[in-house]
Amino acid sequence: LIADYYFEDADLSDEEEEFIRTSRQLQEEDFELVERQWQGLKTGALSQAQLGPNEHTVHRFHQLAQEAYNS
């Protein structure tokens, strides 16, 4: 993953620095979750990956896109 952050001023405010720290922390947590789910899928412990509470909207969007593509 390559994440770029663009701000109006090169001198970051405390809020902007906190935003970047939080974003990077969330990325690391996501990597860990995905890796654990992948291991579960490979071993058969999971039959499919699990969605997090914030991912159901994305899943629904993918379903709608697939339905439109199939029609």
Protein backbone atom coordinates (compact mmCIF):
# COMPACT_ATOMS: atom_id res chain seq x y z
CA LEU A 1 0.00 0.00 0.00
CA ILE A 2 1.18 3.45 -0.88
CA ALA A 3 -0.75 6.28 0.72
CA ASP A 4 -0.11 9.89 -0.16
CA TYR A 5 -1.44 12.79 1.84
CA TYR A 6 -1.83 16.22 0.34
CA PHE A 7 -2.34 19.37 2.34
CA GLU A 8 -2.50 23.02 1.41
CA ASP A 9 0.53 23.89 3.52
CA ALA A 10 3.72 21.86 3.96
CA ASP A 11 3.78 22.85 7.65
CA LEU A 12 1.20 20.44 9.05
CA SER A 13 -1.11 21.40 11.85
CA ASP A 14 -1.50 19.17 14.90
CA GLU A 15 -4.86 17.99 13.52
CA GLU A 16 -3.33 17.06 10.16
CA GLU A 17 -0.50 15.14 11.83
CA GLU A 18 -3.05 13.32 13.99
CA PHE A 19 -5.08 12.50 10.89
CA ILE A 20 -2.03 10.90 9.24
CA ARG A 21 -1.16 8.93 12.40
CA THR A 22 -4.73 7.66 12.70
CA SER A 23 -4.89 6.77 9.02
CA ARG A 24 -1.66 4.77 9.21
CA GLN A 25 -2.80 3.00 12.37
CA LEU A 26 -6.08 2.00 10.69
CA GLN A 27 -4.18 0.73 7.65
CA GLU A 28 -2.01 -1.47 9.88
CA GLU A 29 -5.08 -2.81 11.69
CA ASP A 30 -6.75 -3.55 8.36
CA PHE A 31 -3.69 -5.47 7.18
CA GLU A 32 -3.75 -7.58 10.34
CA LEU A 33 -7.46 -8.32 9.97
CA VAL A 34 -7.13 -9.28 6.33
CA GLU A 35 -4.14 -11.51 7.04
CA ARG A 36 -6.03 -13.32 9.82
CA GLN A 37 -9.07 -13.83 7.60
CA TRP A 38 -6.87 -15.10 4.78
CA GLN A 39 -5.31 -17.64 7.15
CA GLY A 40 -8.80 -18.70 8.25
CA LEU A 41 -9.90 -19.15 4.65
CA LYS A 42 -6.78 -21.15 3.75
CA THR A 43 -7.21 -23.51 6.72
CA GLY A 44 -10.94 -23.92 6.22
CA ALA A 45 -11.77 -22.31 9.57
CA LEU A 46 -13.81 -19.73 7.63
CA SER A 47 -15.90 -20.49 4.57
CA GLN A 48 -15.95 -16.83 3.55
CA ALA A 49 -14.44 -13.58 4.76
CA GLN A 50 -16.37 -11.49 7.24
CA LEU A 51 -17.36 -7.88 6.65
CA GLY A 52 -16.74 -5.24 9.25
CA PRO A 53 -19.59 -2.99 10.38
CA ASN A 54 -18.52 -0.20 8.03
CA GLU A 55 -18.22 -2.45 4.98
CA HIS A 56 -21.84 -3.48 4.46
CA THR A 57 -22.56 -0.42 2.32
CA VAL A 58 -19.63 -1.27 0.05
CA HIS A 59 -20.84 -4.86 -0.19
CA ARG A 60 -24.33 -3.70 -1.15
CA PHE A 61 -22.84 -1.39 -3.79
CA HIS A 62 -20.89 -4.32 -5.24
CA GLN A 63 -24.07 -6.40 -5.34
CA LEU A 64 -25.93 -3.64 -7.19
CA ALA A 65 -23.06 -3.18 -9.63
CA GLN A 66 -22.95 -6.94 -10.31
CA GLU A 67 -26.72 -7.06 -10.85
CA ALA A 68 -26.52 -4.14 -13.30
CA TYR A 69 -23.61 -5.79 -15.11
CA ASN A 70 -25.49 -9.09 -15.40
CA SER A 71 -28.66 -7.51 -16.81
